[in-house]
Amino acid sequence: MEEANNISTEGFILMGLSDHPQLEMIFFVVMLISYLMTIVGNSTIILLSRLDPRLHTPMYFFLSNLSSLDLAYTTSTVPQMLFNLWGPDKSITYGGCMAQLYVFFWLGATECILLMVMSFDRYVAVCKPLHYTTIMNPRICWLLASIAWLCGLGNSIIQSTVTLQLPLCGHRMIDNFLCEVPAMIKLACGDTTLNQALLNIICAFFTAVPLSIILVSYCFIVQAVLKISSAKGRRKAFNTCFSHLVVVLLFYGSGIYGYLIPAKTSNQNQDKFISLFYSVITPMVNPLIYTLRNKEVKGTLKRLLWKGREVG
């Protein structure tokens, strides 16, 4: 009990990305640039979706939800990481670690559901175009987005709370750059069989079910697109769905590797890189993937920049 009280008072030590201190400044610069790109990219999508009436559609409503989620996702981890990389202090307070644990798992699970919802939106747009505005009305959009956020929150409350019941026995060294459930389970000195089983079951549910629905949706989408007579129409439909599919593959691929493959041959540094991939890299590249292949977003950005020049 006394050792547990010491942990709640002193907090934890995050061992970081690498065992080589000479690389910390390089990592700091890279992470800072990545974080700034994440803020600029996702904030731009949110602002464009709000400012241009032509983007007041279900697709951009869900895309702005994804951007908001990605902003919160990286902000829950990167500022603490930058603080630890900048100086010799590698600590994180007990409260900060717990907040990071709950928020990170909440947002990760929410993104799993939100990507599924976005694939359903694309399915209705391509396969049921005449009924799209009726099916994807504002009320349904808000309901689907709320379900995604609430499901993620419920998952975080269950998984994180169960993890915090494990005896830590005075151990403070977390071999990672953030407080996430697998790292906290490794920190425990008691029997973690139940926790590991619960983690596997919940993660399997939040990946297998949404991913299956996404893949089925895209099977119907491909069939519908191939029936479009004009090459221009097929290309437009494929471009709209391709960006979302790339984001799905990046997020789910890294998440499955990090959480659902128990017999990994990789070392701990490779596991940290996977965590870095789905927590930092994916939120950074999501806006680039959507904007580089989306003429509507690029057109809105050009119009706003042109208006800004005229006003100036």
Protein backbone atom coordinates (compact mmCIF):
# COMPACT_ATOMS: atom_id res chain seq x y z
CA MET A 1 0.00 0.00 0.00
CA GLU A 2 2.85 2.36 0.85
CA GLU A 3 4.51 1.69 -2.53
CA ALA A 4 1.23 2.37 -4.33
CA ASN A 5 0.90 5.66 -2.44
CA ASN A 6 4.43 6.59 -3.54
CA ILE A 7 3.45 6.02 -7.17
CA SER A 8 0.37 8.22 -6.83
CA THR A 9 2.60 10.93 -5.35
CA GLU A 10 5.70 10.65 -7.55
CA GLY A 11 4.11 9.51 -10.80
CA PHE A 12 5.78 7.39 -13.47
CA ILE A 13 8.90 7.45 -15.62
CA LEU A 14 8.39 7.22 -19.38
CA MET A 15 11.44 5.56 -20.92
CA GLY A 16 10.67 7.11 -24.30
CA LEU A 17 11.24 6.10 -27.90
CA SER A 18 14.86 5.01 -27.80
CA ASP A 19 17.60 3.86 -25.45
CA HIS A 20 20.06 6.28 -27.10
CA PRO A 21 19.97 9.76 -25.45
CA GLN A 22 21.92 11.31 -28.34
CA LEU A 23 18.90 10.77 -30.60
CA GLU A 24 16.47 12.63 -28.36
CA MET A 25 16.95 16.05 -29.97
CA ILE A 26 16.41 14.56 -33.42
CA PHE A 27 13.23 12.88 -32.20
CA PHE A 28 12.15 16.17 -30.61
CA VAL A 29 12.45 18.07 -33.90
CA VAL A 30 10.68 15.33 -35.87
CA MET A 31 7.83 15.06 -33.34
CA LEU A 32 7.44 18.83 -33.13
CA ILE A 33 7.18 19.15 -36.92
CA SER A 34 4.74 16.22 -37.05
CA TYR A 35 2.59 17.75 -34.32
CA LEU A 36 2.50 21.16 -36.02
CA MET A 37 1.55 19.51 -39.32
CA THR A 38 -1.21 17.58 -37.53
CA ILE A 39 -2.60 20.76 -35.99
CA VAL A 40 -2.48 22.74 -39.24
CA GLY A 41 -3.85 19.95 -41.44
CA ASN A 42 -6.74 18.86 -39.24
CA SER A 43 -7.65 22.42 -38.22
CA THR A 44 -7.76 23.38 -41.90
CA ILE A 45 -10.23 20.59 -42.68
CA ILE A 46 -12.44 21.59 -39.73
CA LEU A 47 -12.43 25.27 -40.74
CA LEU A 48 -13.09 24.55 -44.42
CA SER A 49 -15.98 22.25 -43.51
CA ARG A 50 -17.50 25.01 -41.41
CA LEU A 51 -16.86 28.02 -43.67
CA ASP A 52 -17.88 26.69 -47.09
CA PRO A 53 -21.63 25.89 -47.43
CA ARG A 54 -20.78 23.51 -50.28
CA LEU A 55 -19.01 21.29 -47.74
CA HIS A 56 -22.01 21.14 -45.40
CA THR A 57 -22.61 17.50 -46.34
CA PRO A 58 -22.54 14.26 -44.31
CA MET A 59 -19.16 13.30 -45.79
CA TYR A 60 -17.46 16.46 -44.52
CA PHE A 61 -19.39 16.36 -41.25
CA PHE A 62 -17.81 12.97 -40.48
CA LEU A 63 -14.46 14.10 -41.87
CA SER A 64 -14.43 17.10 -39.51
CA ASN A 65 -15.29 14.69 -36.67
CA LEU A 66 -12.29 12.58 -37.66
CA SER A 67 -10.07 15.68 -37.74
CA SER A 68 -11.28 16.77 -34.30
CA LEU A 69 -10.60 13.30 -32.99
CA ASP A 70 -7.11 13.23 -34.49
CA LEU A 71 -6.30 16.61 -32.95
CA ALA A 72 -7.31 15.38 -29.51
CA TYR A 73 -5.59 12.02 -30.12
CA THR A 74 -2.17 13.53 -30.74
CA THR A 75 -2.58 16.27 -28.12
CA SER A 76 -3.13 13.59 -25.47
CA THR A 77 0.39 12.23 -26.07
CA VAL A 78 2.72 14.47 -28.10
CA PRO A 79 3.07 17.49 -25.74
CA GLN A 80 4.14 15.17 -22.91
CA MET A 81 6.50 13.37 -25.28
CA LEU A 82 8.07 16.68 -26.37
CA PHE A 83 8.49 17.69 -22.73
CA ASN A 84 10.28 14.43 -21.94
CA LEU A 85 12.47 14.64 -25.05
CA TRP A 86 13.52 18.24 -24.40
CA GLY A 87 15.19 17.75 -21.02
CA PRO A 88 16.39 15.18 -18.53
CA ASP A 89 13.02 14.94 -16.78
CA LYS A 90 11.24 11.82 -18.09
CA SER A 91 8.46 11.79 -15.51
CA ILE A 92 4.72 12.05 -15.88
CA THR A 93 2.41 12.68 -12.95
CA TYR A 94 0.06 9.95 -11.78
CA GLY A 95 -2.95 12.07 -12.76
CA GLY A 96 -1.43 12.87 -16.15
CA CYS A 97 -0.77 9.19 -16.81
CA MET A 98 -4.32 8.22 -15.85
CA ALA A 99 -5.80 10.97 -18.03
CA GLN A 100 -3.62 9.85 -20.94
CA LEU A 101 -4.68 6.24 -20.39
CA TYR A 102 -8.41 7.02 -20.49
CA VAL A 103 -8.31 9.59 -23.30
CA PHE A 104 -5.99 7.63 -25.59
CA PHE A 105 -8.07 4.45 -25.38
CA TRP A 106 -11.32 6.43 -25.73
CA LEU A 107 -10.22 8.20 -28.91
CA GLY A 108 -8.64 5.10 -30.44
CA ALA A 109 -11.86 3.08 -30.06
CA THR A 110 -13.92 6.04 -31.29
CA GLU A 111 -11.87 6.20 -34.48
CA CYS A 112 -12.55 2.51 -35.14
CA ILE A 113 -16.31 3.15 -35.06
CA LEU A 114 -16.12 6.48 -36.87
CA LEU A 115 -14.25 4.97 -39.82
CA MET A 116 -17.00 2.37 -40.06
CA VAL A 117 -19.65 5.11 -40.05
CA MET A 118 -17.76 6.94 -42.81
CA SER A 119 -17.72 3.79 -44.93
CA PHE A 120 -21.50 3.48 -44.48
CA ASP A 121 -21.85 7.09 -45.63
CA ARG A 122 -19.83 6.29 -48.76
CA TYR A 123 -21.92 3.15 -49.36
CA VAL A 124 -25.17 5.14 -49.27
CA ALA A 125 -23.69 7.90 -51.48
CA VAL A 126 -22.54 5.47 -54.18
CA CYS A 127 -25.11 2.68 -53.97
CA LYS A 128 -28.22 4.68 -52.95
CA PRO A 129 -27.60 8.12 -54.52
CA LEU A 130 -31.30 8.95 -55.01
CA HIS A 131 -32.04 8.33 -51.32
CA TYR A 132 -28.78 9.75 -49.95
CA THR A 133 -30.14 13.01 -48.52
CA THR A 134 -33.09 11.17 -46.99
CA ILE A 135 -31.05 8.42 -45.34
CA MET A 136 -28.09 10.57 -44.27
CA ASN A 137 -30.13 13.45 -42.87
CA PRO A 138 -28.58 15.72 -40.18
CA ARG A 139 -30.33 13.87 -37.34
CA ILE A 140 -28.94 10.50 -38.44
CA CYS A 141 -25.47 11.99 -38.92
CA TRP A 142 -25.43 13.42 -35.40
CA LEU A 143 -26.77 10.14 -34.02
CA LEU A 144 -24.10 8.05 -35.75
CA ALA A 145 -21.30 10.39 -34.66
CA SER A 146 -22.60 10.36 -31.07
CA ILE A 147 -22.73 6.56 -31.06
CA ALA A 148 -19.09 6.43 -32.19
CA TRP A 149 -17.92 8.80 -29.44
CA LEU A 150 -20.02 7.13 -26.73
CA CYS A 151 -18.93 3.60 -27.70
CA GLY A 152 -15.31 4.70 -27.48
CA LEU A 153 -15.91 6.31 -24.09
CA GLY A 154 -17.62 3.21 -22.72
CA ASN A 155 -14.77 1.03 -23.93
CA SER A 156 -12.20 3.30 -22.29
CA ILE A 157 -14.02 3.37 -18.96
CA ILE A 158 -14.22 -0.42 -18.81
CA GLN A 159 -10.73 -1.27 -20.06
CA SER A 160 -8.80 1.50 -18.32
CA THR A 161 -10.59 1.05 -14.99
CA VAL A 162 -9.89 -2.69 -14.98
CA THR A 163 -6.25 -2.01 -15.82
CA LEU A 164 -5.89 0.42 -12.93
CA GLN A 165 -6.97 -2.31 -10.50
CA LEU A 166 -3.73 -4.20 -11.14
CA PRO A 167 -1.11 -4.06 -8.36
CA LEU A 168 1.89 -2.02 -9.51
CA CYS A 169 4.05 -2.91 -6.51
CA GLY A 170 6.12 0.24 -6.67
CA HIS A 171 7.22 -0.12 -10.31
CA ARG A 172 7.40 3.29 -12.00
CA MET A 173 9.32 2.64 -15.24
CA ILE A 174 7.00 2.49 -18.27
CA ASP A 175 8.88 1.16 -21.27
CA ASN A 176 7.07 3.39 -23.73
CA PHE A 177 6.54 7.07 -24.57
CA LEU A 178 2.94 7.12 -23.34
CA CYS A 179 0.61 5.51 -20.81
CA GLU A 180 -1.46 3.00 -22.75
CA VAL A 181 -3.14 -0.19 -21.58
CA PRO A 182 -0.60 -2.78 -22.87
CA ALA A 183 2.29 -0.85 -21.28
CA MET A 184 0.43 -0.59 -17.96
CA ILE A 185 -0.38 -4.31 -17.99
CA LYS A 186 3.33 -5.07 -18.43
CA LEU A 187 4.04 -2.84 -15.46
CA ALA A 188 1.89 -4.92 -13.10
CA CYS A 189 3.42 -7.54 -10.85
CA GLY A 190 0.25 -9.59 -10.29
CA ASP A 191 -1.66 -12.02 -12.50
CA THR A 192 -2.59 -10.19 -15.69
CA THR A 193 -4.27 -13.10 -17.51
CA LEU A 194 -7.77 -11.68 -17.11
CA ASN A 195 -6.66 -8.19 -18.15
CA GLN A 196 -4.88 -9.47 -21.23
CA ALA A 197 -7.88 -11.59 -22.20
CA LEU A 198 -10.24 -8.63 -21.73
CA LEU A 199 -7.92 -6.41 -23.80
CA ASN A 200 -7.83 -8.98 -26.62
CA ILE A 201 -11.61 -9.46 -26.61
CA ILE A 202 -12.44 -5.75 -26.63
CA CYS A 203 -9.80 -4.90 -29.23
CA ALA A 204 -10.93 -7.81 -31.40
CA PHE A 205 -14.50 -6.52 -31.23
CA PHE A 206 -13.52 -2.93 -32.04
CA THR A 207 -11.46 -4.07 -35.01
CA ALA A 208 -13.17 -7.18 -36.41
CA VAL A 209 -16.75 -5.85 -36.40
CA PRO A 210 -16.10 -2.36 -37.87
CA LEU A 211 -13.49 -3.67 -40.33
CA SER A 212 -15.83 -6.41 -41.55
CA ILE A 213 -18.60 -3.86 -42.14
CA ILE A 214 -16.14 -1.58 -43.93
CA LEU A 215 -14.96 -4.36 -46.24
CA VAL A 216 -18.54 -5.47 -47.00
CA SER A 217 -19.48 -1.84 -47.74
CA TYR A 218 -16.62 -1.50 -50.18
CA CYS A 219 -17.55 -4.74 -51.93
CA PHE A 220 -20.96 -3.22 -52.69
CA ILE A 221 -19.33 0.11 -53.59
CA VAL A 222 -16.98 -1.53 -56.11
CA GLN A 223 -19.89 -3.38 -57.70
CA ALA A 224 -21.89 -0.15 -57.98
CA VAL A 225 -18.96 1.84 -59.38
CA LEU A 226 -18.23 -0.74 -62.07
CA LYS A 227 -21.80 -0.31 -63.31
CA ILE A 228 -21.30 3.43 -63.90
CA SER A 229 -21.18 3.99 -67.65
CA SER A 230 -18.92 7.04 -67.82
CA ALA A 231 -15.22 6.76 -67.07
CA LYS A 232 -15.28 10.18 -65.40
CA GLY A 233 -18.05 9.08 -63.05
CA ARG A 234 -16.19 5.90 -62.11
CA ARG A 235 -12.98 7.85 -61.49
CA LYS A 236 -14.76 10.39 -59.28
CA ALA A 237 -16.42 7.65 -57.21
CA PHE A 238 -13.16 5.74 -56.80
CA ASN A 239 -11.24 8.89 -55.81
CA THR A 240 -13.84 9.73 -53.16
CA CYS A 241 -13.62 6.28 -51.59
CA PHE A 242 -9.90 5.66 -52.11
CA SER A 243 -8.81 8.27 -49.55
CA HIS A 244 -11.01 6.76 -46.85
CA LEU A 245 -9.81 3.25 -47.67
CA VAL A 246 -6.15 4.28 -47.33
CA VAL A 247 -6.86 5.82 -43.91
CA VAL A 248 -8.64 2.62 -42.85
CA LEU A 249 -5.69 0.45 -43.89
CA LEU A 250 -3.16 2.67 -42.10
CA PHE A 251 -5.09 2.89 -38.84
CA TYR A 252 -6.38 -0.67 -38.62
CA GLY A 253 -3.14 -2.22 -39.89
CA SER A 254 -1.00 -0.60 -37.21
CA GLY A 255 -3.67 -1.05 -34.51
CA ILE A 256 -4.08 -4.77 -35.19
CA TYR A 257 -0.33 -5.28 -35.13
CA GLY A 258 0.05 -3.35 -31.89
CA TYR A 259 -2.86 -4.88 -29.95
CA LEU A 260 -3.93 -8.20 -31.47
CA ILE A 261 -0.77 -10.05 -32.47
CA PRO A 262 0.53 -11.68 -29.26
CA ALA A 263 3.32 -13.73 -30.78
CA LYS A 264 5.25 -10.87 -32.33
CA THR A 265 8.88 -11.45 -33.19
CA SER A 266 9.62 -7.74 -32.99
CA ASN A 267 11.59 -6.14 -30.20
CA GLN A 268 10.31 -3.43 -27.87
CA ASN A 269 11.63 -0.61 -30.04
CA GLN A 270 9.61 -1.92 -32.99
CA ASP A 271 6.52 -2.06 -30.78
CA LYS A 272 7.11 1.58 -29.83
CA PHE A 273 7.32 2.49 -33.51
CA ILE A 274 3.94 0.83 -34.12
CA SER A 275 2.47 2.83 -31.23
CA LEU A 276 4.02 5.95 -32.74
CA PHE A 277 2.53 5.10 -36.11
CA TYR A 278 -1.12 4.93 -35.03
CA SER A 279 -0.86 7.67 -32.40
CA VAL A 280 1.19 10.31 -34.27
CA ILE A 281 1.86 9.46 -37.91
CA THR A 282 -1.67 8.42 -38.94
CA PRO A 283 -3.35 11.59 -37.53
CA MET A 284 -0.69 13.64 -39.34
CA VAL A 285 -1.15 12.03 -42.77
CA ASN A 286 -4.96 11.79 -42.67
CA PRO A 287 -5.51 15.43 -43.77
CA LEU A 288 -2.90 15.04 -46.50
CA ILE A 289 -4.58 11.90 -47.84
CA TYR A 290 -8.00 13.55 -47.95
CA THR A 291 -6.92 16.92 -49.35
CA LEU A 292 -4.43 15.73 -51.97
CA ARG A 293 -7.07 13.62 -53.73
CA ASN A 294 -10.10 15.80 -53.02
CA LYS A 295 -10.86 18.52 -55.55
CA GLU A 296 -13.65 20.02 -53.42
CA VAL A 297 -11.37 20.61 -50.43
CA LYS A 298 -8.58 22.00 -52.61
CA GLY A 299 -11.05 24.21 -54.45
CA THR A 300 -12.46 25.59 -51.19
CA LEU A 301 -8.97 26.28 -49.87
CA LYS A 302 -8.01 28.14 -53.06
CA ARG A 303 -11.17 30.24 -52.95
CA LEU A 304 -10.62 31.22 -49.32
CA LEU A 305 -6.97 32.07 -49.95
CA TRP A 306 -7.96 34.15 -52.98
CA LYS A 307 -10.56 36.03 -50.92
CA GLY A 308 -7.93 36.61 -48.24
CA ARG A 309 -5.60 38.17 -50.84
CA GLU A 310 -8.38 40.42 -52.14
CA VAL A 311 -9.20 41.60 -48.63
CA GLY A 312 -5.51 42.18 -47.95
